[in-house]
Amino acid sequence: QVQLVESGGGLVQAGGSLRLSCAASGSIFSINAMRWYCQAPGKQRELVAAIGSGGSTNYADSVKGRFTISRDNAKNTVYLQMNSLKPEDTAVYYCNADLSPTWGPIKRYWGQGTQVTVSS
């Protein structure tokens, strides 16, 4: 029973910071890429950052220099450190992972999302 669960969202003032976490649990054989997406009301879900199994990273231009994605493979967890937050960062943030459960094929799993609200 594999699940991804995000945490760490909340309300923060512009210029502040949050750290989002997404932990995969269950019977897991391996995890390849892990990613963070955001979705603002009325907008498409967009890729924010991605990290490969070996630690390579990619970021949306809008967050470069402000956000950092990282992972702890021992904990099956991906993080998004969000600094210098702006009101336009307000969105629901979702993690996903390309994951192979034990005795199962690799597929993409999604978390339930966590709300980030930035006020100014």
Protein backbone atom coordinates (compact mmCIF):
# COMPACT_ATOMS: atom_id res chain seq x y z
CA GLN A 1 0.00 0.00 0.00
CA VAL A 2 2.19 2.81 -1.32
CA GLN A 3 1.33 6.39 -0.45
CA LEU A 4 2.91 9.82 -0.78
CA VAL A 5 2.02 12.32 1.92
CA GLU A 6 2.97 16.00 1.77
CA SER A 7 3.38 18.24 4.78
CA GLY A 8 4.78 21.63 5.69
CA GLY A 9 2.43 23.98 3.90
CA GLY A 10 0.84 26.94 5.56
CA LEU A 11 0.41 30.69 5.60
CA VAL A 12 3.51 32.85 5.41
CA GLN A 13 4.24 36.49 4.67
CA ALA A 14 6.03 37.55 1.52
CA GLY A 15 9.76 37.10 1.92
CA GLY A 16 9.35 34.23 4.34
CA SER A 17 10.25 30.58 4.02
CA LEU A 18 8.63 27.18 4.19
CA ARG A 19 9.95 23.67 3.84
CA LEU A 20 7.66 21.11 2.27
CA SER A 21 8.17 17.41 2.82
CA CYS A 22 6.78 14.44 0.95
CA ALA A 23 7.29 11.00 2.38
CA ALA A 24 6.64 7.80 0.50
CA SER A 25 5.51 4.88 2.59
CA GLY A 26 4.53 1.30 2.04
CA SER A 27 6.25 -1.63 0.44
CA ILE A 28 8.70 0.09 -1.91
CA PHE A 29 11.33 -1.51 -4.06
CA SER A 30 12.82 1.64 -5.55
CA ILE A 31 12.13 5.30 -6.28
CA ASN A 32 13.46 7.03 -9.35
CA ALA A 33 12.63 10.69 -10.01
CA MET A 34 10.71 12.74 -7.47
CA ARG A 35 9.03 16.04 -8.30
CA TRP A 36 7.11 18.98 -6.94
CA TYR A 37 4.24 20.60 -8.81
CA CYS A 38 2.07 23.56 -8.00
CA GLN A 39 -1.49 24.36 -8.99
CA ALA A 40 -3.08 27.74 -8.42
CA PRO A 41 -6.85 28.19 -8.65
CA GLY A 42 -8.01 28.16 -12.25
CA LYS A 43 -4.59 27.24 -13.58
CA GLN A 44 -2.87 24.15 -14.88
CA ARG A 45 -0.66 22.09 -12.64
CA GLU A 46 2.94 23.09 -13.32
CA LEU A 47 6.27 21.47 -12.59
CA VAL A 48 8.23 23.35 -9.95
CA ALA A 49 11.27 21.15 -9.43
CA ALA A 50 12.48 17.63 -10.05
CA ILE A 51 15.24 15.49 -8.67
CA GLY A 52 16.60 12.29 -10.11
CA SER A 53 17.65 9.18 -8.29
CA GLY A 54 21.26 10.31 -8.41
CA GLY A 55 20.51 13.81 -7.17
CA SER A 56 20.40 15.77 -10.41
CA THR A 57 17.91 18.64 -10.25
CA ASN A 58 15.80 20.80 -12.52
CA TYR A 59 13.79 23.91 -11.65
CA ALA A 60 11.17 26.10 -13.19
CA ASP A 61 12.63 29.47 -14.11
CA SER A 62 10.26 31.22 -11.74
CA VAL A 63 11.77 29.53 -8.68
CA LYS A 64 15.45 29.30 -9.57
CA GLY A 65 17.56 30.81 -6.84
CA ARG A 66 14.70 30.69 -4.34
CA PHE A 67 13.64 27.05 -4.06
CA THR A 68 15.78 23.97 -3.49
CA ILE A 69 14.68 20.40 -4.01
CA SER A 70 16.45 17.62 -2.16
CA ARG A 71 15.83 14.04 -1.14
CA ASP A 72 16.69 11.65 1.63
CA ASN A 73 16.71 8.21 0.13
CA ALA A 74 16.96 6.51 3.51
CA LYS A 75 13.65 8.13 4.46
CA ASN A 76 12.04 7.90 1.00
CA THR A 77 11.38 11.61 1.32
CA VAL A 78 11.67 14.60 -1.00
CA TYR A 79 11.84 18.17 0.28
CA LEU A 80 11.22 21.57 -1.19
CA GLN A 81 12.91 24.43 0.63
CA MET A 82 11.04 27.58 -0.35
CA ASN A 83 12.76 30.89 0.40
CA SER A 84 11.93 34.48 -0.52
CA LEU A 85 8.32 33.52 -1.04
CA LYS A 86 6.12 35.73 -3.16
CA PRO A 87 2.32 36.04 -3.27
CA GLU A 88 2.38 34.50 -6.73
CA ASP A 89 3.78 31.31 -5.19
CA THR A 90 0.39 30.74 -3.57
CA ALA A 91 -0.87 27.36 -4.74
CA VAL A 92 -1.45 23.79 -3.76
CA TYR A 93 1.84 21.95 -3.97
CA TYR A 94 1.89 18.29 -4.95
CA CYS A 95 4.71 15.81 -4.96
CA ASN A 96 5.01 12.81 -7.20
CA ALA A 97 7.43 9.98 -7.62
CA ASP A 98 8.22 7.37 -10.22
CA LEU A 99 8.15 4.42 -7.91
CA SER A 100 8.34 0.66 -8.09
CA PRO A 101 6.46 -1.07 -5.31
CA THR A 102 7.69 -4.43 -4.16
CA TRP A 103 6.51 -7.05 -6.66
CA GLY A 104 4.95 -4.40 -8.87
CA PRO A 105 5.74 -2.35 -11.96
CA ILE A 106 7.07 1.17 -11.81
CA LYS A 107 4.44 3.89 -12.06
CA ARG A 108 3.81 7.47 -11.05
CA TYR A 109 2.33 8.19 -7.64
CA TRP A 110 0.90 11.51 -6.45
CA GLY A 111 0.46 13.00 -3.03
CA GLN A 112 -2.70 14.72 -1.87
CA GLY A 113 -1.25 18.22 -1.95
CA THR A 114 -0.47 20.84 0.66
CA GLN A 115 -1.64 24.45 0.57
CA VAL A 116 0.91 27.25 0.50
CA THR A 117 -0.46 30.76 0.93
CA VAL A 118 1.82 33.79 0.76
CA SER A 119 0.43 37.10 1.94
CA SER A 120 1.70 40.63 1.40
